[in-house]
Amino acid sequence: MNFLNHHIVSPGPPWEAVTAAAAALQHIDHYPAANCEPALSDLVDFLAGPQAAAGGSSDAAVANLKSRTMLGNGASELIDLGINFVSFPCSVLK
């Protein structure tokens, strides 16, 4: 068998792709906040209902709802929740 050894030299990515990537990078300036604010507060206000917006629900009830609400952007939150679940005694979770 005769094998031909072809060396193909790539000129690099297309200029249009480099330009598009550089333009997109200009809009990446932060990662979402770890505490998910203000989305968390907005969601809790929505879940608490119109009476909470009008001052009908107690601050303690809204704070309790907020403490039990979890937002995130991926599996890392579920992994963290699982680790915290097995790390603390069950009496803390009750």
Foldseek 3Di string as FASTA:
>chain_A
DDDDDDDDDDPDDDPVVVVVVVVVVVPPDDDQDPLNPPVLVVVLVVVVPPCVVVVNDDPVVSVVSSVPDDDDDDCVVVVVVVVVVVVDDVVVVD
